[in-house]
């Protein structure tokens, strides 16, 4: 698949803006509620779905399907990391506002 430099630059710039926004919005240490965690999860999932939809529209079913297959695989594999984080935070008795 041949992707132009402008598309790569636009994608990288958009990701940088999103990560910077996420960093500055959630900058202060605080107890993250289940509602807040759910909202942020939904925001990132919706953004990923929009990106995948863009791939489907502009590049076709092959690249779009590959993106969604990879995204679902990575999302499901990330769940086991949560258990590791919980164990580490519990072992070192990290206060909940810093987790």
PDB file of N, CA and C in Angstrom:
ATOM      1  N   UNK A   1       0.852  -1.174   0.000  1.00  0.00           N
ATOM      2  CA  UNK A   1       0.000   0.000   0.000  1.00  0.00           C
ATOM      3  C   UNK A   1       0.895   1.233   0.000  1.00  0.00           C
ATOM      4  N   UNK A   2       0.658   2.115  -0.925  1.00  0.00           N
ATOM      5  CA  UNK A   2       1.435   3.331  -1.057  1.00  0.00           C
ATOM      6  C   UNK A   2       0.688   4.478  -0.381  1.00  0.00           C
ATOM      7  N   UNK A   3       1.284   5.016   0.675  1.00  0.00           N
ATOM      8  CA  UNK A   3       0.663   6.113   1.419  1.00  0.00           C
ATOM      9  C   UNK A   3       1.543   7.341   1.260  1.00  0.00           C
ATOM     10  N   UNK A   4       0.937   8.463   0.918  1.00  0.00           N
ATOM     11  CA  UNK A   4       1.709   9.676   0.686  1.00  0.00           C
ATOM     12  C   UNK A   4       2.267  10.235   1.990  1.00  0.00           C
ATOM     13  N   UNK A   5       3.306  11.019   1.850  1.00  0.00           N
ATOM     14  CA  UNK A   5       3.954  11.632   3.006  1.00  0.00           C
ATOM     15  C   UNK A   5       2.991  12.554   3.749  1.00  0.00           C
ATOM     16  N   UNK A   6       2.138  13.257   3.019  1.00  0.00           N
ATOM     17  CA  UNK A   6       1.200  14.175   3.674  1.00  0.00           C
ATOM     18  C   UNK A   6       0.215  13.425   4.572  1.00  0.00           C
ATOM     19  N   UNK A   7      -0.216  12.234   4.161  1.00  0.00           N
ATOM     20  CA  UNK A   7      -1.126  11.438   4.995  1.00  0.00           C
ATOM     21  C   UNK A   7      -0.410  10.982   6.258  1.00  0.00           C
ATOM     22  N   UNK A   8       0.847  10.547   6.125  1.00  0.00           N
ATOM     23  CA  UNK A   8       1.619  10.148   7.306  1.00  0.00           C
ATOM     24  C   UNK A   8       1.801  11.323   8.258  1.00  0.00           C
ATOM     25  N   UNK A   9       2.160  12.483   7.721  1.00  0.00           N
ATOM     26  CA  UNK A   9       2.370  13.658   8.568  1.00  0.00           C
ATOM     27  C   UNK A   9       1.087  14.073   9.270  1.00  0.00           C
ATOM     28  N   UNK A  10      -0.024  14.029   8.561  1.00  0.00           N
ATOM     29  CA  UNK A  10      -1.316  14.370   9.157  1.00  0.00           C
ATOM     30  C   UNK A  10      -1.681  13.381  10.263  1.00  0.00           C
ATOM     31  N   UNK A  11      -1.443  12.103  10.033  1.00  0.00           N
ATOM     32  CA  UNK A  11      -1.746  11.078  11.036  1.00  0.00           C
ATOM     33  C   UNK A  11      -0.889  11.254  12.281  1.00  0.00           C
ATOM     34  N   UNK A  12       0.403  11.461  12.092  1.00  0.00           N
ATOM     35  CA  UNK A  12       1.307  11.646  13.233  1.00  0.00           C
ATOM     36  C   UNK A  12       0.955  12.925  13.988  1.00  0.00           C
ATOM     37  N   UNK A  13       0.647  13.999  13.274  1.00  0.00           N
ATOM     38  CA  UNK A  13       0.272  15.253  13.933  1.00  0.00           C
ATOM     39  C   UNK A  13      -1.013  15.083  14.739  1.00  0.00           C
ATOM     40  N   UNK A  14      -1.996  14.399  14.177  1.00  0.00           N
ATOM     41  CA  UNK A  14      -3.257  14.172  14.894  1.00  0.00           C
ATOM     42  C   UNK A  14      -3.020  13.339  16.152  1.00  0.00           C
ATOM     43  N   UNK A  15      -2.194  12.307  16.057  1.00  0.00           N
ATOM     44  CA  UNK A  15      -1.882  11.491  17.235  1.00  0.00           C
ATOM     45  C   UNK A  15      -1.163  12.304  18.301  1.00  0.00           C
ATOM     46  N   UNK A  16      -0.240  13.160  17.896  1.00  0.00           N
ATOM     47  CA  UNK A  16       0.468  14.013  18.859  1.00  0.00           C
ATOM     48  C   UNK A  16      -0.500  14.949  19.575  1.00  0.00           C
ATOM     49  N   UNK A  17      -1.431  15.523  18.836  1.00  0.00           N
ATOM     50  CA  UNK A  17      -2.431  16.409  19.441  1.00  0.00           C
ATOM     51  C   UNK A  17      -3.302  15.638  20.426  1.00  0.00           C
ATOM     52  N   UNK A  18      -3.738  14.438  20.054  1.00  0.00           N
ATOM     53  CA  UNK A  18      -4.588  13.636  20.939  1.00  0.00           C
ATOM     54  C   UNK A  18      -3.855  13.217  22.208  1.00  0.00           C
ATOM     55  N   UNK A  19      -2.612  12.792  22.077  1.00  0.00           N
ATOM     56  CA  UNK A  19      -1.838  12.389  23.257  1.00  0.00           C
ATOM     57  C   UNK A  19      -1.563  13.597  24.143  1.00  0.00           C
ATOM     58  N   UNK A  20      -1.233  14.743  23.555  1.00  0.00           N
ATOM     59  CA  UNK A  20      -1.004  15.954  24.346  1.00  0.00           C
ATOM     60  C   UNK A  20      -2.281  16.376  25.074  1.00  0.00           C
ATOM     61  N   UNK A  21      -3.410  16.309  24.399  1.00  0.00           N
ATOM     62  CA  UNK A  21      -4.682  16.655  25.046  1.00  0.00           C
ATOM     63  C   UNK A  21      -4.973  15.707  26.195  1.00  0.00           C
ATOM     64  N   UNK A  22      -4.745  14.422  25.989  1.00  0.00           N
ATOM     65  CA  UNK A  22      -4.960  13.439  27.052  1.00  0.00           C
ATOM     66  C   UNK A  22      -4.043  13.720  28.237  1.00  0.00           C
ATOM     67  N   UNK A  23      -2.803  14.070  27.957  1.00  0.00           N
ATOM     68  CA  UNK A  23      -1.843  14.360  29.022  1.00  0.00           C
ATOM     69  C   UNK A  23      -2.252  15.597  29.815  1.00  0.00           C
ATOM     70  N   UNK A  24      -2.618  16.668  29.137  1.00  0.00           N
ATOM     71  CA  UNK A  24      -2.921  17.910  29.840  1.00  0.00           C
ATOM     72  C   UNK A  24      -4.278  17.884  30.535  1.00  0.00           C
ATOM     73  N   UNK A  25      -5.227  17.133  30.016  1.00  0.00           N
ATOM     74  CA  UNK A  25      -6.539  17.046  30.666  1.00  0.00           C
ATOM     75  C   UNK A  25      -6.450  16.225  31.940  1.00  0.00           C
ATOM     76  N   UNK A  26      -5.715  15.124  31.899  1.00  0.00           N
ATOM     77  CA  UNK A  26      -5.614  14.254  33.065  1.00  0.00           C
ATOM     78  C   UNK A  26      -4.338  14.446  33.847  1.00  0.00           C
ATOM     79  N   UNK A  27      -3.805  15.638  33.852  1.00  0.00           N
ATOM     80  CA  UNK A  27      -2.488  15.905  34.408  1.00  0.00           C
ATOM     81  C   UNK A  27      -2.421  15.769  35.920  1.00  0.00           C
ATOM     82  N   UNK A  28      -3.404  16.264  36.634  1.00  0.00           N
ATOM     83  CA  UNK A  28      -3.324  16.265  38.097  1.00  0.00           C
ATOM     84  C   UNK A  28      -3.633  14.880  38.656  1.00  0.00           C
ATOM     85  N   UNK A  29      -2.907  14.469  39.693  1.00  0.00           N
ATOM     86  CA  UNK A  29      -3.215  13.172  40.307  1.00  0.00           C
ATOM     87  C   UNK A  29      -4.569  13.228  41.017  1.00  0.00           C
ATOM     88  N   UNK A  30      -5.412  12.243  40.761  1.00  0.00           N
ATOM     89  CA  UNK A  30      -6.722  12.194  41.397  1.00  0.00           C
ATOM     90  C   UNK A  30      -7.255  10.771  41.322  1.00  0.00           C
ATOM     91  N   UNK A  31      -8.239  10.495  42.139  1.00  0.00           N
ATOM     92  CA  UNK A  31      -8.896   9.196  42.086  1.00  0.00           C
ATOM     93  C   UNK A  31      -9.767   9.148  40.836  1.00  0.00           C
ATOM     94  N   UNK A  32      -9.481   8.211  39.977  1.00  0.00           N
ATOM     95  CA  UNK A  32     -10.241   8.077  38.736  1.00  0.00           C
ATOM     96  C   UNK A  32     -11.485   7.246  39.021  1.00  0.00           C
ATOM     97  N   UNK A  33     -12.635   7.847  38.778  1.00  0.00           N
ATOM     98  CA  UNK A  33     -13.893   7.132  39.008  1.00  0.00           C
ATOM     99  C   UNK A  33     -14.153   6.159  37.859  1.00  0.00           C
ATOM    100  N   UNK A  34     -15.039   5.228  38.101  1.00  0.00           N
ATOM    101  CA  UNK A  34     -15.420   4.275  37.063  1.00  0.00           C
ATOM    102  C   UNK A  34     -16.051   5.006  35.883  1.00  0.00           C
ATOM    103  N   UNK A  35     -16.810   6.050  36.173  1.00  0.00           N
ATOM    104  CA  UNK A  35     -17.451   6.846  35.115  1.00  0.00           C
ATOM    105  C   UNK A  35     -16.399   7.531  34.240  1.00  0.00           C
ATOM    106  N   UNK A  36     -15.408   8.167  34.882  1.00  0.00           N
ATOM    107  CA  UNK A  36     -14.361   8.858  34.130  1.00  0.00           C
ATOM    108  C   UNK A  36     -13.557   7.873  33.278  1.00  0.00           C
ATOM    109  N   UNK A  37     -13.213   6.730  33.859  1.00  0.00           N
ATOM    110  CA  UNK A  37     -12.468   5.714  33.106  1.00  0.00           C
ATOM    111  C   UNK A  37     -13.285   5.211  31.922  1.00  0.00           C
ATOM    112  N   UNK A  38     -14.577   5.026  32.132  1.00  0.00           N
ATOM    113  CA  UNK A  38     -15.446   4.577  31.046  1.00  0.00           C
ATOM    114  C   UNK A  38     -15.554   5.596  29.932  1.00  0.00           C
ATOM    115  N   UNK A  39     -15.645   6.867  30.314  1.00  0.00           N
ATOM    116  CA  UNK A  39     -15.734   7.934  29.308  1.00  0.00           C
ATOM    117  C   UNK A  39     -14.467   7.986  28.471  1.00  0.00           C
ATOM    118  N   UNK A  40     -13.295   7.957  29.137  1.00  0.00           N
ATOM    119  CA  UNK A  40     -12.036   8.013  28.393  1.00  0.00           C
ATOM    120  C   UNK A  40     -11.855   6.782  27.508  1.00  0.00           C
ATOM    121  N   UNK A  41     -12.259   5.630  28.005  1.00  0.00           N
ATOM    122  CA  UNK A  41     -12.177   4.419  27.184  1.00  0.00           C
ATOM    123  C   UNK A  41     -13.062   4.559  25.954  1.00  0.00           C
ATOM    124  N   UNK A  42     -14.274   5.053  26.148  1.00  0.00           N
ATOM    125  CA  UNK A  42     -15.196   5.242  25.024  1.00  0.00           C
ATOM    126  C   UNK A  42     -14.638   6.243  24.017  1.00  0.00           C
ATOM    127  N   UNK A  43     -14.027   7.321  24.505  1.00  0.00           N
ATOM    128  CA  UNK A  43     -13.449   8.331  23.607  1.00  0.00           C
ATOM    129  C   UNK A  43     -12.387   7.696  22.715  1.00  0.00           C
ATOM    130  N   UNK A  44     -11.463   6.935  23.317  1.00  0.00           N
ATOM    131  CA  UNK A  44     -10.381   6.335  22.530  1.00  0.00           C
ATOM    132  C   UNK A  44     -10.898   5.252  21.593  1.00  0.00           C
ATOM    133  N   UNK A  45     -11.894   4.489  22.018  1.00  0.00           N
ATOM    134  CA  UNK A  45     -12.462   3.458  21.138  1.00  0.00           C
ATOM    135  C   UNK A  45     -13.177   4.111  19.955  1.00  0.00           C
ATOM    136  N   UNK A  46     -13.921   5.181  20.213  1.00  0.00           N
ATOM    137  CA  UNK A  46     -14.612   5.889  19.122  1.00  0.00           C
ATOM    138  C   UNK A  46     -13.599   6.474  18.141  1.00  0.00           C
ATOM    139  N   UNK A  47     -12.519   7.061  18.656  1.00  0.00           N
ATOM    140  CA  UNK A  47     -11.492   7.608  17.762  1.00  0.00           C
ATOM    141  C   UNK A  47     -10.852   6.510  16.916  1.00  0.00           C
ATOM    142  N   UNK A  48     -10.597   5.357  17.518  1.00  0.00           N
ATOM    143  CA  UNK A  48     -10.039   4.231  16.757  1.00  0.00           C
ATOM    144  C   UNK A  48     -11.026   3.761  15.691  1.00  0.00           C
ATOM    145  N   UNK A  49     -12.304   3.714  16.043  1.00  0.00           N
ATOM    146  CA  UNK A  49     -13.323   3.301  15.067  1.00  0.00           C
ATOM    147  C   UNK A  49     -13.430   4.308  13.923  1.00  0.00           C
ATOM    148  N   UNK A  50     -13.311   5.586  14.231  1.00  0.00           N
ATOM    149  CA  UNK A  50     -13.334   6.604  13.176  1.00  0.00           C
ATOM    150  C   UNK A  50     -12.133   6.452  12.246  1.00  0.00           C
ATOM    151  N   UNK A  51     -10.970   6.175  12.830  1.00  0.00           N
ATOM    152  CA  UNK A  51      -9.778   5.950  12.013  1.00  0.00           C
ATOM    153  C   UNK A  51      -9.974   4.725  11.124  1.00  0.00           C
ATOM    154  N   UNK A  52     -10.490   3.652  11.702  1.00  0.00           N
ATOM    155  CA  UNK A  52     -10.751   2.438  10.927  1.00  0.00           C
ATOM    156  C   UNK A  52     -11.779   2.670   9.837  1.00  0.00           C
ATOM    157  N   UNK A  53     -12.806   3.455  10.144  1.00  0.00           N
ATOM    158  CA  UNK A  53     -13.810   3.786   9.130  1.00  0.00           C
ATOM    159  C   UNK A  53     -13.180   4.591   8.001  1.00  0.00           C
ATOM    160  N   UNK A  54     -12.264   5.494   8.361  1.00  0.00           N
ATOM    161  CA  UNK A  54     -11.541   6.245   7.338  1.00  0.00           C
ATOM    162  C   UNK A  54     -10.725   5.334   6.439  1.00  0.00           C
ATOM    163  N   UNK A  55     -10.087   4.333   7.042  1.00  0.00           N
ATOM    164  CA  UNK A  55      -9.357   3.360   6.228  1.00  0.00           C
ATOM    165  C   UNK A  55     -10.298   2.603   5.296  1.00  0.00           C
ATOM    166  N   UNK A  56     -11.449   2.207   5.823  1.00  0.00           N
ATOM    167  CA  UNK A  56     -12.423   1.488   4.990  1.00  0.00           C
ATOM    168  C   UNK A  56     -12.873   2.332   3.805  1.00  0.00           C
ATOM    169  N   UNK A  57     -13.134   3.606   4.063  1.00  0.00           N
ATOM    170  CA  UNK A  57     -13.641   4.487   3.009  1.00  0.00           C
ATOM    171  C   UNK A  57     -12.555   4.809   1.982  1.00  0.00           C
ATOM    172  N   UNK A  58     -11.354   5.168   2.459  1.00  0.00           N
ATOM    173  CA  UNK A  58     -10.325   5.663   1.552  1.00  0.00           C
ATOM    174  C   UNK A  58      -9.394   4.586   1.005  1.00  0.00           C
ATOM    175  N   UNK A  59      -9.269   3.448   1.708  1.00  0.00           N
ATOM    176  CA  UNK A  59      -8.341   2.404   1.263  1.00  0.00           C
ATOM    177  C   UNK A  59      -8.998   1.061   0.985  1.00  0.00           C
ATOM    178  N   UNK A  60     -10.261   0.917   1.361  1.00  0.00           N
ATOM    179  CA  UNK A  60     -10.963  -0.327   1.054  1.00  0.00           C
ATOM    180  C   UNK A  60     -11.008  -1.293   2.224  1.00  0.00           C
ATOM    181  N   UNK A  61     -11.634  -2.438   1.945  1.00  0.00           N
ATOM    182  CA  UNK A  61     -11.880  -3.424   2.990  1.00  0.00           C
ATOM    183  C   UNK A  61     -10.639  -4.108   3.515  1.00  0.00           C
ATOM    184  N   UNK A  62      -9.624  -4.282   2.678  1.00  0.00           N
ATOM    185  CA  UNK A  62      -8.405  -4.970   3.120  1.00  0.00           C
ATOM    186  C   UNK A  62      -7.715  -4.257   4.269  1.00  0.00           C
ATOM    187  N   UNK A  63      -7.240  -3.036   4.042  1.00  0.00           N
ATOM    188  CA  UNK A  63      -6.570  -2.313   5.124  1.00  0.00           C
ATOM    189  C   UNK A  63      -7.494  -2.013   6.307  1.00  0.00           C
ATOM    190  N   UNK A  64      -8.748  -1.707   6.023  1.00  0.00           N
ATOM    191  CA  UNK A  64      -9.692  -1.445   7.111  1.00  0.00           C
ATOM    192  C   UNK A  64      -9.919  -2.673   7.968  1.00  0.00           C
ATOM    193  N   UNK A  65     -10.104  -3.811   7.317  1.00  0.00           N
ATOM    194  CA  UNK A  65     -10.286  -5.061   8.045  1.00  0.00           C
ATOM    195  C   UNK A  65      -9.056  -5.445   8.847  1.00  0.00           C
ATOM    196  N   UNK A  66      -7.873  -5.228   8.267  1.00  0.00           N
ATOM    197  CA  UNK A  66      -6.629  -5.514   8.986  1.00  0.00           C
ATOM    198  C   UNK A  66      -6.502  -4.628  10.222  1.00  0.00           C
ATOM    199  N   UNK A  67      -6.869  -3.350  10.076  1.00  0.00           N
ATOM    200  CA  UNK A  67      -6.798  -2.456  11.230  1.00  0.00           C
ATOM    201  C   UNK A  67      -7.729  -2.930  12.337  1.00  0.00           C
ATOM    202  N   UNK A  68      -8.977  -3.217  11.991  1.00  0.00           N
ATOM    203  CA  UNK A  68      -9.939  -3.632  13.018  1.00  0.00           C
ATOM    204  C   UNK A  68      -9.549  -4.966  13.649  1.00  0.00           C
ATOM    205  N   UNK A  69      -9.024  -5.895  12.858  1.00  0.00           N
ATOM    206  CA  UNK A  69      -8.576  -7.174  13.421  1.00  0.00           C
ATOM    207  C   UNK A  69      -7.428  -6.950  14.400  1.00  0.00           C
ATOM    208  N   UNK A  70      -6.483  -6.114  14.016  1.00  0.00           N
ATOM    209  CA  UNK A  70      -5.361  -5.805  14.905  1.00  0.00           C
ATOM    210  C   UNK A  70      -5.799  -5.050  16.142  1.00  0.00           C
ATOM    211  N   UNK A  71      -6.721  -4.122  15.970  1.00  0.00           N
ATOM    212  CA  UNK A  71      -7.194  -3.332  17.111  1.00  0.00           C
ATOM    213  C   UNK A  71      -7.915  -4.213  18.125  1.00  0.00           C
ATOM    214  N   UNK A  72      -8.785  -5.074  17.645  1.00  0.00           N
ATOM    215  CA  UNK A  72      -9.525  -5.963  18.553  1.00  0.00           C
ATOM    216  C   UNK A  72      -8.566  -6.920  19.256  1.00  0.00           C
ATOM    217  N   UNK A  73      -7.577  -7.431  18.520  1.00  0.00           N
ATOM    218  CA  UNK A  73      -6.590  -8.327  19.130  1.00  0.00           C
ATOM    219  C   UNK A  73      -5.811  -7.609  20.223  1.00  0.00           C
ATOM    220  N   UNK A  74      -5.305  -6.429  19.927  1.00  0.00           N
ATOM    221  CA  UNK A  74      -4.524  -5.676  20.911  1.00  0.00           C
ATOM    222  C   UNK A  74      -5.372  -5.266  22.112  1.00  0.00           C
ATOM    223  N   UNK A  75      -6.606  -4.879  21.871  1.00  0.00           N
ATOM    224  CA  UNK A  75      -7.496  -4.479  22.972  1.00  0.00           C
ATOM    225  C   UNK A  75      -7.749  -5.658  23.899  1.00  0.00           C
ATOM    226  N   UNK A  76      -7.975  -6.825  23.330  1.00  0.00           N
ATOM    227  CA  UNK A  76      -8.230  -7.998  24.171  1.00  0.00           C
ATOM    228  C   UNK A  76      -6.973  -8.444  24.904  1.00  0.00           C
ATOM    229  N   UNK A  77      -5.813  -8.322  24.282  1.00  0.00           N
ATOM    230  CA  UNK A  77      -4.571  -8.708  24.949  1.00  0.00           C
ATOM    231  C   UNK A  77      -4.166  -7.715  26.037  1.00  0.00           C
ATOM    232  N   UNK A  78      -4.628  -6.477  25.944  1.00  0.00           N
ATOM    233  CA  UNK A  78      -4.257  -5.480  26.951  1.00  0.00           C
ATOM    234  C   UNK A  78      -4.942  -5.732  28.287  1.00  0.00           C
ATOM    235  N   UNK A  79      -6.001  -6.528  28.285  1.00  0.00           N
ATOM    236  CA  UNK A  79      -6.719  -6.803  29.529  1.00  0.00           C
ATOM    237  C   UNK A  79      -5.821  -7.530  30.524  1.00  0.00           C
ATOM    238  N   UNK A  80      -4.971  -8.447  30.043  1.00  0.00           N
ATOM    239  CA  UNK A  80      -4.097  -9.159  30.978  1.00  0.00           C
ATOM    240  C   UNK A  80      -3.084  -8.221  31.625  1.00  0.00           C
ATOM    241  N   UNK A  81      -2.718  -7.142  30.931  1.00  0.00           N
ATOM    242  CA  UNK A  81      -1.812  -6.163  31.531  1.00  0.00           C
ATOM    243  C   UNK A  81      -2.454  -5.473  32.731  1.00  0.00           C
ATOM    244  N   UNK A  82      -3.765  -5.311  32.701  1.00  0.00           N
ATOM    245  CA  UNK A  82      -4.453  -4.686  33.828  1.00  0.00           C
ATOM    246  C   UNK A  82      -4.247  -5.487  35.104  1.00  0.00           C
ATOM    247  N   UNK A  83      -4.276  -6.806  34.998  1.00  0.00           N
ATOM    248  CA  UNK A  83      -4.059  -7.642  36.172  1.00  0.00           C
ATOM    249  C   UNK A  83      -2.645  -7.457  36.719  1.00  0.00           C
ATOM    250  N   UNK A  84      -1.668  -7.333  35.835  1.00  0.00           N
ATOM    251  CA  UNK A  84      -0.287  -7.104  36.267  1.00  0.00           C
ATOM    252  C   UNK A  84      -0.185  -5.758  36.973  1.00  0.00           C
ATOM    253  N   UNK A  85      -0.797  -4.718  36.423  1.00  0.00           N
ATOM    254  CA  UNK A  85      -0.766  -3.399  37.056  1.00  0.00           C
ATOM    255  C   UNK A  85      -1.423  -3.430  38.431  1.00  0.00           C
ATOM    256  N   UNK A  86      -2.536  -4.117  38.544  1.00  0.00           N
ATOM    257  CA  UNK A  86      -3.224  -4.222  39.835  1.00  0.00           C
ATOM    258  C   UNK A  86      -2.318  -4.893  40.855  1.00  0.00           C
ATOM    259  N   UNK A  87      -1.647  -5.962  40.460  1.00  0.00           N
ATOM    260  CA  UNK A  87      -0.734  -6.652  41.374  1.00  0.00           C
ATOM    261  C   UNK A  87       0.426  -5.757  41.803  1.00  0.00           C
ATOM    262  N   UNK A  88       1.007  -5.037  40.856  1.00  0.00           N
ATOM    263  CA  UNK A  88       2.130  -4.149  41.177  1.00  0.00           C
ATOM    264  C   UNK A  88       1.682  -3.027  42.101  1.00  0.00           C
ATOM    265  N   UNK A  89       0.559  -2.396  41.789  1.00  0.00           N
ATOM    266  CA  UNK A  89       0.062  -1.301  42.628  1.00  0.00           C
ATOM    267  C   UNK A  89      -0.264  -1.799  44.034  1.00  0.00           C
ATOM    268  N   UNK A  90      -0.829  -2.978  44.145  1.00  0.00           N
ATOM    269  CA  UNK A  90      -1.162  -3.530  45.460  1.00  0.00           C
ATOM    270  C   UNK A  90       0.103  -3.894  46.231  1.00  0.00           C
ATOM    271  N   UNK A  91       1.075  -4.488  45.559  1.00  0.00           N
ATOM    272  CA  UNK A  91       2.312  -4.912  46.219  1.00  0.00           C
ATOM    273  C   UNK A  91       3.065  -3.722  46.798  1.00  0.00           C
ATOM    274  N   UNK A  92       3.138  -2.626  46.054  1.00  0.00           N
ATOM    275  CA  UNK A  92       3.863  -1.448  46.511  1.00  0.00           C
ATOM    276  C   UNK A  92       2.977  -0.459  47.256  1.00  0.00           C
ATOM    277  N   UNK A  93       1.733  -0.807  47.495  1.00  0.00           N
ATOM    278  CA  UNK A  93       0.780   0.013  48.253  1.00  0.00           C
ATOM    279  C   UNK A  93       0.722   1.451  47.727  1.00  0.00           C
ATOM    280  N   UNK A  94       0.581   1.578  46.425  1.00  0.00           N
ATOM    281  CA  UNK A  94       0.490   2.895  45.800  1.00  0.00           C
ATOM    282  C   UNK A  94      -0.893   3.466  46.094  1.00  0.00           C
ATOM    283  N   UNK A  95      -0.961   4.700  46.642  1.00  0.00           N
ATOM    284  CA  UNK A  95      -2.272   5.302  46.914  1.00  0.00           C
ATOM    285  C   UNK A  95      -3.100   5.408  45.629  1.00  0.00           C
ATOM    286  N   UNK A  96      -4.404   5.265  45.764  1.00  0.00           N
ATOM    287  CA  UNK A  96      -5.274   5.213  44.583  1.00  0.00           C
ATOM    288  C   UNK A  96      -5.213   6.478  43.739  1.00  0.00           C
ATOM    289  N   UNK A  97      -4.941   7.618  44.352  1.00  0.00           N
ATOM    290  CA  UNK A  97      -4.887   8.847  43.555  1.00  0.00           C
ATOM    291  C   UNK A  97      -3.682   8.878  42.621  1.00  0.00           C
ATOM    292  N   UNK A  98      -2.663   8.058  42.878  1.00  0.00           N
ATOM    293  CA  UNK A  98      -1.479   8.015  42.022  1.00  0.00           C
ATOM    294  C   UNK A  98      -1.475   6.829  41.066  1.00  0.00           C
ATOM    295  N   UNK A  99      -2.495   6.016  41.115  1.00  0.00           N
ATOM    296  CA  UNK A  99      -2.538   4.848  40.238  1.00  0.00           C
ATOM    297  C   UNK A  99      -3.023   5.224  38.860  1.00  0.00           C
TER     298      UNK A  99
END
